[in-house]
């Protein structure tokens, strides 16, 4: 919920929100990116900007889902 509502406070529009990810329509400038990261960190989230880290995070989410649903 925080991942969906917090970007709106910065006039950013989340297009897609899933477990561990949010796609935002607009490009962020450095100031809004820092502010958004600061607020999301209060909720225990971190921003992942590079492709390699994003891929690793997606793989971790898939493995976690497989482990959870196999129980």
PDB file of N, CA and C in Angstrom:
ATOM      1  N   UNK A   1       0.818  -1.183   0.000  1.00  0.00           N
ATOM      2  CA  UNK A   1       0.000   0.000   0.000  1.00  0.00           C
ATOM      3  C   UNK A   1       0.874   1.265   0.000  1.00  0.00           C
ATOM      4  N   UNK A   2       1.936   1.229   0.785  1.00  0.00           N
ATOM      5  CA  UNK A   2       2.833   2.384   0.837  1.00  0.00           C
ATOM      6  C   UNK A   2       3.510   2.601  -0.505  1.00  0.00           C
ATOM      7  N   UNK A   3       3.864   1.512  -1.182  1.00  0.00           N
ATOM      8  CA  UNK A   3       4.539   1.625  -2.478  1.00  0.00           C
ATOM      9  C   UNK A   3       3.607   2.249  -3.510  1.00  0.00           C
ATOM     10  N   UNK A   4       2.312   2.052  -3.337  1.00  0.00           N
ATOM     11  CA  UNK A   4       1.360   2.645  -4.270  1.00  0.00           C
ATOM     12  C   UNK A   4       1.030   4.090  -3.910  1.00  0.00           C
ATOM     13  N   UNK A   5       0.897   4.395  -2.624  1.00  0.00           N
ATOM     14  CA  UNK A   5       0.449   5.734  -2.229  1.00  0.00           C
ATOM     15  C   UNK A   5       1.573   6.763  -2.121  1.00  0.00           C
ATOM     16  N   UNK A   6       2.761   6.369  -1.729  1.00  0.00           N
ATOM     17  CA  UNK A   6       3.851   7.331  -1.539  1.00  0.00           C
ATOM     18  C   UNK A   6       4.284   8.033  -2.822  1.00  0.00           C
ATOM     19  N   UNK A   7       4.409   7.341  -3.958  1.00  0.00           N
ATOM     20  CA  UNK A   7       4.801   8.072  -5.181  1.00  0.00           C
ATOM     21  C   UNK A   7       3.804   9.159  -5.567  1.00  0.00           C
ATOM     22  N   UNK A   8       2.533   8.963  -5.254  1.00  0.00           N
ATOM     23  CA  UNK A   8       1.508   9.950  -5.601  1.00  0.00           C
ATOM     24  C   UNK A   8       1.780  11.278  -4.892  1.00  0.00           C
ATOM     25  N   UNK A   9       2.348  11.215  -3.686  1.00  0.00           N
ATOM     26  CA  UNK A   9       2.681  12.430  -2.944  1.00  0.00           C
ATOM     27  C   UNK A   9       3.725  13.273  -3.681  1.00  0.00           C
ATOM     28  N   UNK A  10       4.461  12.643  -4.603  1.00  0.00           N
ATOM     29  CA  UNK A  10       5.496  13.331  -5.370  1.00  0.00           C
ATOM     30  C   UNK A  10       5.040  13.589  -6.807  1.00  0.00           C
ATOM     31  N   UNK A  11       3.718  13.532  -7.022  1.00  0.00           N
ATOM     32  CA  UNK A  11       3.120  13.727  -8.350  1.00  0.00           C
ATOM     33  C   UNK A  11       3.619  12.695  -9.351  1.00  0.00           C
ATOM     34  N   UNK A  12       3.892  11.496  -8.872  1.00  0.00           N
ATOM     35  CA  UNK A  12       4.273  10.389  -9.736  1.00  0.00           C
ATOM     36  C   UNK A  12       3.085   9.429  -9.803  1.00  0.00           C
ATOM     37  N   UNK A  13       2.911   8.793 -10.929  1.00  0.00           N
ATOM     38  CA  UNK A  13       1.743   7.944 -11.131  1.00  0.00           C
ATOM     39  C   UNK A  13       2.160   6.475 -11.310  1.00  0.00           C
ATOM     40  N   UNK A  14       1.916   5.656 -10.278  1.00  0.00           N
ATOM     41  CA  UNK A  14       2.217   4.229 -10.403  1.00  0.00           C
ATOM     42  C   UNK A  14       1.312   3.594 -11.465  1.00  0.00           C
ATOM     43  N   UNK A  15       1.926   2.877 -12.397  1.00  0.00           N
ATOM     44  CA  UNK A  15       1.178   2.230 -13.460  1.00  0.00           C
ATOM     45  C   UNK A  15       0.888   0.782 -13.077  1.00  0.00           C
ATOM     46  N   UNK A  16       1.868   0.140 -12.471  1.00  0.00           N
ATOM     47  CA  UNK A  16       1.756  -1.276 -12.138  1.00  0.00           C
ATOM     48  C   UNK A  16       2.404  -1.490 -10.774  1.00  0.00           C
ATOM     49  N   UNK A  17       1.657  -2.095  -9.858  1.00  0.00           N
ATOM     50  CA  UNK A  17       2.189  -2.384  -8.530  1.00  0.00           C
ATOM     51  C   UNK A  17       2.010  -3.871  -8.268  1.00  0.00           C
ATOM     52  N   UNK A  18       3.131  -4.552  -8.037  1.00  0.00           N
ATOM     53  CA  UNK A  18       3.120  -5.970  -7.714  1.00  0.00           C
ATOM     54  C   UNK A  18       4.021  -6.184  -6.516  1.00  0.00           C
ATOM     55  N   UNK A  19       4.021  -7.397  -6.015  1.00  0.00           N
ATOM     56  CA  UNK A  19       4.879  -7.725  -4.891  1.00  0.00           C
ATOM     57  C   UNK A  19       6.320  -7.352  -5.202  1.00  0.00           C
ATOM     58  N   UNK A  20       6.838  -6.381  -4.480  1.00  0.00           N
ATOM     59  CA  UNK A  20       8.235  -5.992  -4.627  1.00  0.00           C
ATOM     60  C   UNK A  20       8.553  -5.041  -5.751  1.00  0.00           C
ATOM     61  N   UNK A  21       7.555  -4.656  -6.554  1.00  0.00           N
ATOM     62  CA  UNK A  21       7.850  -3.750  -7.668  1.00  0.00           C
ATOM     63  C   UNK A  21       6.765  -2.699  -7.841  1.00  0.00           C
ATOM     64  N   UNK A  22       7.179  -1.587  -8.387  1.00  0.00           N
ATOM     65  CA  UNK A  22       6.236  -0.552  -8.814  1.00  0.00           C
ATOM     66  C   UNK A  22       6.826   0.102 -10.056  1.00  0.00           C
ATOM     67  N   UNK A  23       6.027   0.185 -11.096  1.00  0.00           N
ATOM     68  CA  UNK A  23       6.432   0.877 -12.318  1.00  0.00           C
ATOM     69  C   UNK A  23       5.761   2.242 -12.307  1.00  0.00           C
ATOM     70  N   UNK A  24       6.565   3.271 -12.521  1.00  0.00           N
ATOM     71  CA  UNK A  24       6.074   4.648 -12.478  1.00  0.00           C
ATOM     72  C   UNK A  24       6.139   5.232 -13.879  1.00  0.00           C
ATOM     73  N   UNK A  25       5.070   5.907 -14.270  1.00  0.00           N
ATOM     74  CA  UNK A  25       4.933   6.460 -15.613  1.00  0.00           C
ATOM     75  C   UNK A  25       5.996   7.507 -15.918  1.00  0.00           C
ATOM     76  N   UNK A  26       6.222   8.433 -15.008  1.00  0.00           N
ATOM     77  CA  UNK A  26       7.124   9.563 -15.257  1.00  0.00           C
ATOM     78  C   UNK A  26       8.584   9.195 -14.984  1.00  0.00           C
ATOM     79  N   UNK A  27       9.462   9.959 -15.627  1.00  0.00           N
ATOM     80  CA  UNK A  27      10.876   9.904 -15.287  1.00  0.00           C
ATOM     81  C   UNK A  27      11.068  10.728 -14.020  1.00  0.00           C
ATOM     82  N   UNK A  28      11.913  10.261 -13.121  1.00  0.00           N
ATOM     83  CA  UNK A  28      12.153  10.990 -11.878  1.00  0.00           C
ATOM     84  C   UNK A  28      13.406  11.840 -12.001  1.00  0.00           C
ATOM     85  N   UNK A  29      13.362  13.034 -11.423  1.00  0.00           N
ATOM     86  CA  UNK A  29      14.585  13.809 -11.337  1.00  0.00           C
ATOM     87  C   UNK A  29      15.321  13.357 -10.070  1.00  0.00           C
ATOM     88  N   UNK A  30      16.545  13.766  -9.908  1.00  0.00           N
ATOM     89  CA  UNK A  30      17.353  13.306  -8.773  1.00  0.00           C
ATOM     90  C   UNK A  30      16.750  13.668  -7.423  1.00  0.00           C
ATOM     91  N   UNK A  31      16.179  14.863  -7.294  1.00  0.00           N
ATOM     92  CA  UNK A  31      15.609  15.296  -6.027  1.00  0.00           C
ATOM     93  C   UNK A  31      14.419  14.433  -5.637  1.00  0.00           C
ATOM     94  N   UNK A  32      13.479  14.218  -6.561  1.00  0.00           N
ATOM     95  CA  UNK A  32      12.304  13.415  -6.222  1.00  0.00           C
ATOM     96  C   UNK A  32      12.697  11.967  -5.965  1.00  0.00           C
ATOM     97  N   UNK A  33      13.704  11.479  -6.666  1.00  0.00           N
ATOM     98  CA  UNK A  33      14.161  10.105  -6.458  1.00  0.00           C
ATOM     99  C   UNK A  33      14.733   9.944  -5.052  1.00  0.00           C
ATOM    100  N   UNK A  34      15.544  10.908  -4.601  1.00  0.00           N
ATOM    101  CA  UNK A  34      16.121  10.848  -3.254  1.00  0.00           C
ATOM    102  C   UNK A  34      15.048  10.936  -2.186  1.00  0.00           C
ATOM    103  N   UNK A  35      14.096  11.857  -2.367  1.00  0.00           N
ATOM    104  CA  UNK A  35      13.013  12.021  -1.396  1.00  0.00           C
ATOM    105  C   UNK A  35      12.143  10.773  -1.322  1.00  0.00           C
ATOM    106  N   UNK A  36      11.796  10.229  -2.475  1.00  0.00           N
ATOM    107  CA  UNK A  36      10.974   9.026  -2.513  1.00  0.00           C
ATOM    108  C   UNK A  36      11.702   7.853  -1.861  1.00  0.00           C
ATOM    109  N   UNK A  37      12.981   7.700  -2.142  1.00  0.00           N
ATOM    110  CA  UNK A  37      13.771   6.632  -1.526  1.00  0.00           C
ATOM    111  C   UNK A  37      13.830   6.787  -0.008  1.00  0.00           C
ATOM    112  N   UNK A  38      13.949   8.028   0.457  1.00  0.00           N
ATOM    113  CA  UNK A  38      14.007   8.283   1.887  1.00  0.00           C
ATOM    114  C   UNK A  38      12.698   7.849   2.570  1.00  0.00           C
ATOM    115  N   UNK A  39      11.581   8.213   1.972  1.00  0.00           N
ATOM    116  CA  UNK A  39      10.286   7.876   2.565  1.00  0.00           C
ATOM    117  C   UNK A  39      10.027   6.373   2.478  1.00  0.00           C
ATOM    118  N   UNK A  40      10.325   5.770   1.342  1.00  0.00           N
ATOM    119  CA  UNK A  40      10.099   4.326   1.220  1.00  0.00           C
ATOM    120  C   UNK A  40      10.985   3.531   2.174  1.00  0.00           C
ATOM    121  N   UNK A  41      12.173   4.054   2.472  1.00  0.00           N
ATOM    122  CA  UNK A  41      13.050   3.358   3.414  1.00  0.00           C
ATOM    123  C   UNK A  41      12.447   3.325   4.821  1.00  0.00           C
ATOM    124  N   UNK A  42      11.616   4.312   5.152  1.00  0.00           N
ATOM    125  CA  UNK A  42      10.919   4.299   6.438  1.00  0.00           C
ATOM    126  C   UNK A  42       9.969   3.108   6.547  1.00  0.00           C
ATOM    127  N   UNK A  43       9.491   2.619   5.402  1.00  0.00           N
ATOM    128  CA  UNK A  43       8.601   1.464   5.362  1.00  0.00           C
ATOM    129  C   UNK A  43       9.366   0.160   5.134  1.00  0.00           C
ATOM    130  N   UNK A  44      10.694   0.242   5.071  1.00  0.00           N
ATOM    131  CA  UNK A  44      11.515  -0.953   4.885  1.00  0.00           C
ATOM    132  C   UNK A  44      11.775  -1.316   3.437  1.00  0.00           C
ATOM    133  N   UNK A  45      11.527  -0.403   2.503  1.00  0.00           N
ATOM    134  CA  UNK A  45      11.748  -0.662   1.085  1.00  0.00           C
ATOM    135  C   UNK A  45      13.003   0.045   0.595  1.00  0.00           C
ATOM    136  N   UNK A  46      13.608  -0.504  -0.452  1.00  0.00           N
ATOM    137  CA  UNK A  46      14.736   0.143  -1.110  1.00  0.00           C
ATOM    138  C   UNK A  46      14.460   0.201  -2.608  1.00  0.00           C
ATOM    139  N   UNK A  47      15.012   1.191  -3.265  1.00  0.00           N
ATOM    140  CA  UNK A  47      14.845   1.345  -4.700  1.00  0.00           C
ATOM    141  C   UNK A  47      15.963   0.596  -5.422  1.00  0.00           C
ATOM    142  N   UNK A  48      15.585  -0.135  -6.453  1.00  0.00           N
ATOM    143  CA  UNK A  48      16.561  -0.854  -7.264  1.00  0.00           C
ATOM    144  C   UNK A  48      16.467  -0.285  -8.673  1.00  0.00           C
ATOM    145  N   UNK A  49      17.531   0.379  -9.109  1.00  0.00           N
ATOM    146  CA  UNK A  49      17.494   1.068 -10.390  1.00  0.00           C
ATOM    147  C   UNK A  49      18.176   0.316 -11.534  1.00  0.00           C
ATOM    148  N   UNK A  50      19.187  -0.476 -11.226  1.00  0.00           N
ATOM    149  CA  UNK A  50      19.905  -1.101 -12.331  1.00  0.00           C
ATOM    150  C   UNK A  50      19.289  -2.456 -12.699  1.00  0.00           C
ATOM    151  N   UNK A  51      19.461  -2.853 -13.955  1.00  0.00           N
ATOM    152  CA  UNK A  51      18.830  -4.060 -14.488  1.00  0.00           C
ATOM    153  C   UNK A  51      19.273  -5.331 -13.768  1.00  0.00           C
ATOM    154  N   UNK A  52      20.557  -5.433 -13.458  1.00  0.00           N
ATOM    155  CA  UNK A  52      21.073  -6.645 -12.838  1.00  0.00           C
ATOM    156  C   UNK A  52      20.453  -6.854 -11.452  1.00  0.00           C
ATOM    157  N   UNK A  53      20.409  -5.804 -10.651  1.00  0.00           N
ATOM    158  CA  UNK A  53      19.820  -5.904  -9.318  1.00  0.00           C
ATOM    159  C   UNK A  53      18.328  -6.204  -9.402  1.00  0.00           C
ATOM    160  N   UNK A  54      17.668  -5.621 -10.384  1.00  0.00           N
ATOM    161  CA  UNK A  54      16.238  -5.875 -10.576  1.00  0.00           C
ATOM    162  C   UNK A  54      15.991  -7.343 -10.916  1.00  0.00           C
ATOM    163  N   UNK A  55      16.831  -7.902 -11.780  1.00  0.00           N
ATOM    164  CA  UNK A  55      16.697  -9.308 -12.171  1.00  0.00           C
ATOM    165  C   UNK A  55      16.924 -10.221 -10.974  1.00  0.00           C
ATOM    166  N   UNK A  56      17.937  -9.931 -10.173  1.00  0.00           N
ATOM    167  CA  UNK A  56      18.213 -10.723  -8.973  1.00  0.00           C
ATOM    168  C   UNK A  56      17.014 -10.677  -8.027  1.00  0.00           C
ATOM    169  N   UNK A  57      16.431  -9.506  -7.864  1.00  0.00           N
ATOM    170  CA  UNK A  57      15.268  -9.354  -6.978  1.00  0.00           C
ATOM    171  C   UNK A  57      14.074 -10.130  -7.506  1.00  0.00           C
ATOM    172  N   UNK A  58      13.862 -10.133  -8.813  1.00  0.00           N
ATOM    173  CA  UNK A  58      12.760 -10.892  -9.396  1.00  0.00           C
ATOM    174  C   UNK A  58      12.952 -12.390  -9.190  1.00  0.00           C
ATOM    175  N   UNK A  59      14.174 -12.861  -9.343  1.00  0.00           N
ATOM    176  CA  UNK A  59      14.467 -14.284  -9.131  1.00  0.00           C
ATOM    177  C   UNK A  59      14.218 -14.659  -7.678  1.00  0.00           C
ATOM    178  N   UNK A  60      14.647 -13.801  -6.748  1.00  0.00           N
ATOM    179  CA  UNK A  60      14.405 -14.065  -5.324  1.00  0.00           C
ATOM    180  C   UNK A  60      12.908 -14.130  -5.031  1.00  0.00           C
ATOM    181  N   UNK A  61      12.118 -13.247  -5.624  1.00  0.00           N
ATOM    182  CA  UNK A  61      10.673 -13.252  -5.414  1.00  0.00           C
ATOM    183  C   UNK A  61      10.032 -14.521  -5.969  1.00  0.00           C
ATOM    184  N   UNK A  62      10.488 -14.979  -7.122  1.00  0.00           N
ATOM    185  CA  UNK A  62       9.961 -16.212  -7.716  1.00  0.00           C
ATOM    186  C   UNK A  62      10.279 -17.408  -6.835  1.00  0.00           C
ATOM    187  N   UNK A  63      11.509 -17.490  -6.359  1.00  0.00           N
ATOM    188  CA  UNK A  63      11.907 -18.600  -5.484  1.00  0.00           C
ATOM    189  C   UNK A  63      11.107 -18.573  -4.189  1.00  0.00           C
ATOM    190  N   UNK A  64      10.936 -17.399  -3.613  1.00  0.00           N
ATOM    191  CA  UNK A  64      10.160 -17.275  -2.376  1.00  0.00           C
ATOM    192  C   UNK A  64       8.719 -17.728  -2.602  1.00  0.00           C
ATOM    193  N   UNK A  65       8.128 -17.344  -3.741  1.00  0.00           N
ATOM    194  CA  UNK A  65       6.757 -17.754  -4.047  1.00  0.00           C
ATOM    195  C   UNK A  65       6.668 -19.262  -4.235  1.00  0.00           C
ATOM    196  N   UNK A  66       7.653 -19.853  -4.899  1.00  0.00           N
ATOM    197  CA  UNK A  66       7.651 -21.309  -5.096  1.00  0.00           C
ATOM    198  C   UNK A  66       7.761 -22.041  -3.760  1.00  0.00           C
ATOM    199  N   UNK A  67       8.614 -21.568  -2.883  1.00  0.00           N
ATOM    200  CA  UNK A  67       8.776 -22.192  -1.573  1.00  0.00           C
ATOM    201  C   UNK A  67       7.483 -22.042  -0.766  1.00  0.00           C
ATOM    202  N   UNK A  68       6.903 -20.869  -0.790  1.00  0.00           N
ATOM    203  CA  UNK A  68       5.675 -20.604  -0.032  1.00  0.00           C
ATOM    204  C   UNK A  68       4.532 -21.479  -0.514  1.00  0.00           C
ATOM    205  N   UNK A  69       4.331 -21.565  -1.831  1.00  0.00           N
ATOM    206  CA  UNK A  69       3.197 -22.319  -2.377  1.00  0.00           C
ATOM    207  C   UNK A  69       3.416 -23.825  -2.359  1.00  0.00           C
ATOM    208  N   UNK A  70       4.644 -24.287  -2.183  1.00  0.00           N
ATOM    209  CA  UNK A  70       4.894 -25.728  -2.148  1.00  0.00           C
ATOM    210  C   UNK A  70       4.677 -26.316  -0.753  1.00  0.00           C
ATOM    211  N   UNK A  71       4.456 -25.460   0.235  1.00  0.00           N
ATOM    212  CA  UNK A  71       4.275 -25.936   1.610  1.00  0.00           C
ATOM    213  C   UNK A  71       2.909 -26.463   1.826  1.00  0.00           C
TER     214      UNK A  71
END
